[in-house]
Amino acid sequence: MNPIVLKEKISEFLKEDLGFGDLSVAFLPGGTPLSGSFIAKQSGIICGQEIPQATYDLLGHATYKPRIPDGTPVKAGDIIGTVSGTAQTLLSGERVTLNLIQRMSGIATQTTHFVKLLDDATIRITDTRKTAPGLRLFDKYAVSVGGGFNHRFDLTGGIMLKDNHIALAGGVTQALAAVKRHVGPLNPVEVEVETEEELRQAVAGGANVIMFDNQNPETIKQWRQLVPKTIKVEASGGITAESISTFKGCGADFISIGNLTNDVTPLDISFLVAGAVKS
């Protein structure tokens, strides 16, 4: 992750969480040296090992030592990292650190699950821009750690003509023609299609990538035959953990899945200081 953006984001999150100060620690000996551990409470894929140190650096003095790298499978009870520093720093940064690591590990775990369910090395699973506002940097990094690939990071990441753009232009042919007049060969254009006629227009109009929206695997196989191999095909729309395996061998180059980042179950991870006991 970009360290400059990472620092800016975590600073923003700490401002939100700390307000005018941590009242729970304010009346306790916050300068007391303390050590603690981050512990997985369920199986999954760990992601976010940059977060603790980046957080503590903004709060005071603490040293985080990861036990394992991002992308490592863990089981309940595994220690993922240890930290030592002042009580003020460790306790004030606890919630922001846990929120991010839990969410990122949840996304990485879910992405790995989808990749295994698909079980097709010829198809890349990608994310979308359906990320929580303010968390895209973390969400997309977690997808890559889990074995997925990143689609556009933002609207400058490529040209994608979807249903509303096509309606605005008056059709696939018109939309492609309008865009192609203004972009060069190094700017690939992706077009979303919902019918075979739109597909034929996209091919004729010079699309570089064609997204088959809300189509079943059999239709994707049939439509793929109409697309030259020089044009990439993306399958998208409502693909879930229950249906992903049916897309194996469908011929798509990519499958984009919004649920990777917009339907997240955080991985259960706890932070305990030395001497604390938690059942």
Protein backbone atom coordinates (compact mmCIF):
# COMPACT_ATOMS: atom_id res chain seq x y z
CA MET A 1 0.00 0.00 0.00
CA ASN A 2 1.13 3.56 -0.69
CA PRO A 3 2.69 4.61 2.65
CA ILE A 4 1.75 8.27 2.20
CA VAL A 5 -1.91 7.50 1.55
CA LEU A 6 -1.87 4.85 4.28
CA LYS A 7 -0.68 7.39 6.84
CA GLU A 8 -3.26 9.96 5.73
CA LYS A 9 -6.11 7.45 5.94
CA ILE A 10 -5.17 6.11 9.37
CA SER A 11 -4.75 9.66 10.64
CA GLU A 12 -8.30 10.38 9.48
CA PHE A 13 -9.63 7.27 11.23
CA LEU A 14 -7.81 8.12 14.47
CA LYS A 15 -9.25 11.63 14.47
CA GLU A 16 -12.72 10.13 14.13
CA ASP A 17 -12.17 7.62 16.94
CA LEU A 18 -10.21 9.71 19.43
CA GLY A 19 -12.24 12.89 19.24
CA PHE A 20 -10.72 15.23 21.83
CA GLY A 21 -8.91 12.41 23.61
CA ASP A 22 -9.23 8.91 25.05
CA LEU A 23 -11.09 9.44 28.33
CA SER A 24 -10.75 5.78 29.30
CA VAL A 25 -6.97 6.09 29.48
CA ALA A 26 -6.73 9.75 30.52
CA PHE A 27 -7.00 9.03 34.25
CA LEU A 28 -4.80 5.91 34.20
CA PRO A 29 -0.99 5.68 34.06
CA GLY A 30 -0.80 5.98 30.26
CA GLY A 31 2.99 6.12 30.22
CA THR A 32 3.29 2.64 31.69
CA PRO A 33 5.23 0.21 29.44
CA LEU A 34 2.89 -2.42 28.05
CA SER A 35 3.06 -5.37 25.70
CA GLY A 36 0.30 -7.24 23.93
CA SER A 37 -0.62 -9.73 21.23
CA PHE A 38 -3.00 -9.84 18.29
CA ILE A 39 -4.67 -13.24 18.27
CA ALA A 40 -6.81 -14.91 15.60
CA LYS A 41 -10.03 -16.33 17.02
CA GLN A 42 -11.09 -18.21 13.90
CA SER A 43 -9.56 -19.67 10.76
CA GLY A 44 -8.88 -17.39 7.83
CA ILE A 45 -6.32 -15.46 5.80
CA ILE A 46 -4.44 -12.68 7.58
CA CYS A 47 -4.18 -9.28 5.94
CA GLY A 48 -3.16 -5.86 7.20
CA GLN A 49 0.18 -6.39 8.91
CA GLU A 50 1.22 -2.85 7.95
CA ILE A 51 -1.65 -1.35 9.94
CA PRO A 52 -0.48 -1.64 13.58
CA GLN A 53 2.89 0.07 13.16
CA ALA A 54 1.43 2.78 10.91
CA THR A 55 -1.20 3.47 13.58
CA TYR A 56 1.18 3.49 16.53
CA ASP A 57 3.61 5.80 14.72
CA LEU A 58 0.88 8.45 14.68
CA LEU A 59 0.09 8.06 18.38
CA GLY A 60 3.39 7.73 20.18
CA HIS A 61 5.99 5.07 20.82
CA ALA A 62 5.38 1.38 20.10
CA THR A 63 7.00 -1.42 18.13
CA TYR A 64 4.93 -4.01 16.30
CA LYS A 65 6.46 -7.34 15.30
CA PRO A 66 4.37 -9.40 12.88
CA ARG A 67 4.65 -13.14 13.40
CA ILE A 68 3.45 -13.98 9.90
CA PRO A 69 3.19 -12.16 6.55
CA ASP A 70 -0.02 -11.09 4.84
CA GLY A 71 -1.69 -13.95 3.00
CA THR A 72 -0.88 -16.56 5.64
CA PRO A 73 -3.66 -18.97 6.69
CA VAL A 74 -4.31 -18.99 10.44
CA LYS A 75 -6.46 -20.96 12.85
CA ALA A 76 -8.07 -19.98 16.14
CA GLY A 77 -5.47 -19.23 18.79
CA ASP A 78 -2.64 -18.28 16.43
CA ILE A 79 -0.72 -15.14 17.40
CA ILE A 80 -0.38 -12.92 14.34
CA GLY A 81 1.82 -10.26 15.93
CA THR A 82 3.08 -8.73 19.16
CA VAL A 83 3.57 -5.12 20.23
CA SER A 84 5.33 -3.25 23.01
CA GLY A 85 4.99 0.42 23.88
CA THR A 86 3.23 2.81 26.22
CA ALA A 87 -0.24 1.97 27.49
CA GLN A 88 -1.60 5.22 26.01
CA THR A 89 -0.39 4.34 22.51
CA LEU A 90 -1.50 0.71 22.52
CA LEU A 91 -4.95 1.22 24.00
CA SER A 92 -5.83 4.38 22.07
CA GLY A 93 -4.91 2.73 18.76
CA GLU A 94 -6.57 -0.61 19.50
CA ARG A 95 -9.94 -0.09 17.84
CA VAL A 96 -8.77 1.50 14.60
CA THR A 97 -6.10 -1.17 14.22
CA LEU A 98 -8.50 -4.04 14.87
CA ASN A 99 -11.25 -2.62 12.66
CA LEU A 100 -8.92 -2.49 9.68
CA ILE A 101 -7.13 -5.80 10.21
CA GLN A 102 -10.40 -7.65 10.83
CA ARG A 103 -12.06 -6.23 7.72
CA MET A 104 -9.02 -6.75 5.50
CA SER A 105 -8.55 -10.31 6.73
CA GLY A 106 -12.25 -10.97 6.13
CA ILE A 107 -11.95 -9.77 2.53
CA ALA A 108 -8.76 -11.76 1.93
CA THR A 109 -10.42 -14.86 3.40
CA GLN A 110 -13.53 -14.45 1.25
CA THR A 111 -11.48 -13.85 -1.90
CA THR A 112 -9.44 -17.00 -1.31
CA HIS A 113 -12.70 -18.90 -0.81
CA PHE A 114 -14.05 -17.69 -4.18
CA VAL A 115 -10.81 -18.54 -5.98
CA LYS A 116 -10.86 -22.07 -4.58
CA LEU A 117 -14.54 -22.56 -5.42
CA LEU A 118 -14.01 -21.46 -9.04
CA ASP A 119 -10.92 -23.68 -9.39
CA ASP A 120 -10.04 -22.35 -12.84
CA ALA A 121 -6.56 -20.91 -13.42
CA THR A 122 -7.63 -19.50 -16.80
CA ILE A 123 -10.06 -17.04 -15.17
CA ARG A 124 -9.03 -14.17 -12.93
CA ILE A 125 -11.38 -13.12 -10.16
CA THR A 126 -11.46 -9.35 -9.77
CA ASP A 127 -13.01 -6.86 -7.40
CA THR A 128 -15.13 -3.82 -8.34
CA ARG A 129 -15.52 -0.25 -7.08
CA LYS A 130 -18.21 -1.45 -4.67
CA THR A 131 -16.06 -0.68 -1.65
CA ALA A 132 -16.87 1.07 1.62
CA PRO A 133 -16.32 4.84 1.24
CA GLY A 134 -12.84 5.73 2.45
CA LEU A 135 -11.67 2.13 2.58
CA ARG A 136 -10.92 1.37 -1.07
CA LEU A 137 -7.14 1.31 -0.56
CA PHE A 138 -7.52 -1.33 2.15
CA ASP A 139 -10.30 -3.32 0.47
CA LYS A 140 -8.52 -3.69 -2.85
CA TYR A 141 -5.21 -4.56 -1.22
CA ALA A 142 -6.99 -7.30 0.72
CA VAL A 143 -8.46 -8.74 -2.49
CA SER A 144 -4.98 -9.02 -4.00
CA VAL A 145 -3.66 -10.69 -0.83
CA GLY A 146 -6.49 -13.22 -1.07
CA GLY A 147 -5.52 -14.23 -4.60
CA GLY A 148 -7.83 -11.94 -6.55
CA PHE A 149 -7.02 -9.08 -8.92
CA ASN A 150 -7.93 -5.42 -8.85
CA HIS A 151 -10.31 -3.88 -11.37
CA ARG A 152 -10.31 -0.08 -11.73
CA PHE A 153 -9.19 1.70 -8.56
CA ASP A 154 -11.15 4.81 -9.53
CA LEU A 155 -12.80 6.42 -12.55
CA THR A 156 -9.42 7.40 -14.02
CA GLY A 157 -8.37 3.75 -14.10
CA GLY A 158 -9.92 3.04 -17.48
CA ILE A 159 -12.93 3.67 -19.70
CA MET A 160 -15.94 1.50 -18.98
CA LEU A 161 -19.18 2.11 -20.85
CA LYS A 162 -22.07 0.73 -18.84
CA ASP A 163 -25.83 0.80 -19.38
CA ASN A 164 -26.32 4.45 -18.42
CA HIS A 165 -23.45 5.64 -20.63
CA ILE A 166 -24.84 3.59 -23.52
CA ALA A 167 -28.33 5.01 -22.99
CA LEU A 168 -26.90 8.54 -22.92
CA ALA A 169 -25.08 8.00 -26.22
CA GLY A 170 -28.01 6.26 -27.91
CA GLY A 171 -26.54 2.78 -28.17
CA VAL A 172 -23.36 0.72 -28.03
CA THR A 173 -22.21 1.76 -31.50
CA GLN A 174 -22.67 5.45 -30.78
CA ALA A 175 -21.03 5.25 -27.35
CA LEU A 176 -17.94 3.50 -28.71
CA ALA A 177 -17.64 5.87 -31.65
CA ALA A 178 -17.83 8.92 -29.38
CA VAL A 179 -15.16 7.61 -27.04
CA LYS A 180 -12.84 6.25 -29.73
CA ARG A 181 -12.68 9.69 -31.35
CA HIS A 182 -10.95 11.06 -28.27
CA VAL A 183 -8.76 8.30 -26.83
CA GLY A 184 -5.57 6.77 -28.13
CA PRO A 185 -4.50 3.15 -28.53
CA LEU A 186 -3.08 3.02 -24.99
CA ASN A 187 -6.52 3.66 -23.47
CA PRO A 188 -8.50 0.40 -23.59
CA VAL A 189 -12.27 0.68 -23.67
CA GLU A 190 -14.59 -1.78 -21.94
CA VAL A 191 -18.26 -2.09 -22.84
CA GLU A 192 -21.07 -3.75 -20.93
CA VAL A 193 -23.53 -5.75 -23.05
CA GLU A 194 -26.81 -7.39 -22.15
CA THR A 195 -27.94 -8.78 -25.52
CA GLU A 196 -26.34 -10.58 -28.44
CA GLU A 197 -27.01 -7.57 -30.67
CA GLU A 198 -25.15 -5.29 -28.26
CA LEU A 199 -22.31 -7.82 -28.25
CA ARG A 200 -22.02 -7.72 -32.04
CA GLN A 201 -21.98 -3.92 -31.95
CA ALA A 202 -19.25 -3.94 -29.30
CA VAL A 203 -17.06 -6.23 -31.41
CA ALA A 204 -17.64 -4.19 -34.56
CA GLY A 205 -17.02 -0.94 -32.70
CA GLY A 206 -13.57 -1.96 -31.50
CA ALA A 207 -14.11 -2.62 -27.81
CA ASN A 208 -11.02 -3.93 -26.06
CA VAL A 209 -12.92 -5.66 -23.25
CA ILE A 210 -16.56 -6.75 -23.27
CA MET A 211 -18.47 -7.34 -20.07
CA PHE A 212 -21.25 -9.93 -20.23
CA ASP A 213 -23.67 -8.59 -17.65
CA ASN A 214 -25.96 -10.95 -15.74
CA GLN A 215 -25.50 -13.89 -18.10
CA ASN A 216 -25.44 -17.56 -17.14
CA PRO A 217 -22.41 -19.76 -17.90
CA GLU A 218 -24.00 -21.37 -20.95
CA THR A 219 -24.76 -18.02 -22.55
CA ILE A 220 -21.22 -16.84 -21.81
CA LYS A 221 -19.82 -19.92 -23.58
CA GLN A 222 -22.01 -19.24 -26.64
CA TRP A 223 -21.24 -15.52 -26.78
CA ARG A 224 -17.52 -16.11 -26.30
CA GLN A 225 -17.51 -17.78 -29.74
CA LEU A 226 -18.60 -14.46 -31.26
CA VAL A 227 -15.67 -12.56 -29.76
CA PRO A 228 -12.17 -12.56 -31.29
CA LYS A 229 -9.46 -13.80 -28.94
CA THR A 230 -7.85 -10.36 -29.09
CA ILE A 231 -10.81 -9.00 -27.10
CA LYS A 232 -11.00 -9.87 -23.41
CA VAL A 233 -14.28 -11.02 -21.86
CA GLU A 234 -15.48 -10.21 -18.36
CA ALA A 235 -18.41 -11.95 -16.67
CA SER A 236 -20.23 -9.97 -14.01
CA GLY A 237 -23.49 -9.58 -12.17
CA GLY A 238 -24.86 -11.42 -9.16
CA ILE A 239 -22.16 -14.08 -8.99
CA THR A 240 -22.08 -15.59 -5.50
CA ALA A 241 -20.24 -18.27 -3.56
CA GLU A 242 -23.13 -20.61 -4.35
CA SER A 243 -22.91 -20.06 -8.12
CA ILE A 244 -19.23 -19.34 -8.81
CA SER A 245 -18.27 -22.97 -9.44
CA THR A 246 -20.71 -23.17 -12.37
CA PHE A 247 -18.61 -20.58 -14.23
CA LYS A 248 -15.58 -22.88 -14.41
CA GLY A 249 -14.59 -23.28 -18.05
CA CYS A 250 -17.08 -20.68 -19.27
CA GLY A 251 -14.46 -18.94 -21.42
CA ALA A 252 -14.37 -15.60 -19.64
CA ASP A 253 -11.00 -14.01 -18.93
CA PHE A 254 -12.25 -12.27 -15.80
CA ILE A 255 -15.09 -12.61 -13.33
CA SER A 256 -15.78 -9.46 -11.33
CA ILE A 257 -17.51 -9.91 -7.97
CA GLY A 258 -18.88 -7.00 -5.96
CA ASN A 259 -19.51 -9.19 -2.94
CA LEU A 260 -15.79 -9.50 -2.31
CA THR A 261 -15.84 -6.03 -0.77
CA ASN A 262 -19.46 -5.05 -0.20
CA ASP A 263 -20.62 -8.10 1.74
CA VAL A 264 -17.81 -8.53 4.24
CA THR A 265 -17.67 -10.65 7.39
CA PRO A 266 -14.66 -9.42 9.40
CA LEU A 267 -12.30 -12.10 10.67
CA ASP A 268 -12.50 -12.36 14.46
CA ILE A 269 -9.19 -11.08 15.86
CA SER A 270 -8.58 -9.84 19.39
CA PHE A 271 -5.91 -7.73 21.07
CA LEU A 272 -4.86 -8.64 24.60
CA VAL A 273 -2.23 -6.97 26.75
CA ALA A 274 0.07 -9.12 28.84
CA GLY A 275 -1.74 -10.30 31.94
CA ALA A 276 -5.24 -9.88 30.52
CA VAL A 277 -7.43 -12.98 30.49
CA LYS A 278 -10.29 -13.36 28.01
CA SER A 279 -12.48 -16.40 27.58
